[in-house]
Amino acid sequence: MTEAKSYWGVVVPTRGDLRRFGIVLAALLALLGGYLWYVEAVGIAQLVHAASLVFLGTGLVLPVALKPIYFPYMWLARMVAFVNIHLLLGLVFYTLFTLIGLGMRLLGHDPLDRKIAPDEESYWQRRASSLFPRDHYSKRF
């Protein structure tokens, strides 16, 4: 079963999804209003709390009315998540491998054995034969 998607590329929400969206948005706005009240921006805090109550009431009584807000909000959330994921993964990747490379250079470890030896005829390194006989590959179990 495929899910229906809107113009915004967001899955069309059910009534329960919209109800949860209204409640969560109201809770977030209430927290923001509480913080604004704490930093003594009382006028703005009252407006944010009023918006929180509107979203809570709408989410509980008539969640379908939140559809026009839901789609742009979720589209924006998807875009922000896309950017955050790529930035964070790129940052972690390059930081991790840069630190590993610097640590290996400081310790003098060269896993590719890249030192140049002009008197060498070849850089080929003979390895010991494998532990398994040849028929092991055809009779693995």
Foldseek 3Di string as FASTA:
>chain_A
DDFDADPLRHGDDDLLVLLVVLLVQLVVLLVVLVVCVVVPVNVVSVVSNVVSVVSNVCSVPPSVVCVVVVRVVVSVVVVVVVVVVVVVVVVCVVVVVVVVVVVCVVVVHDPVPPDDDVVDPDPDDDDDDDPDDPCCVVVVD
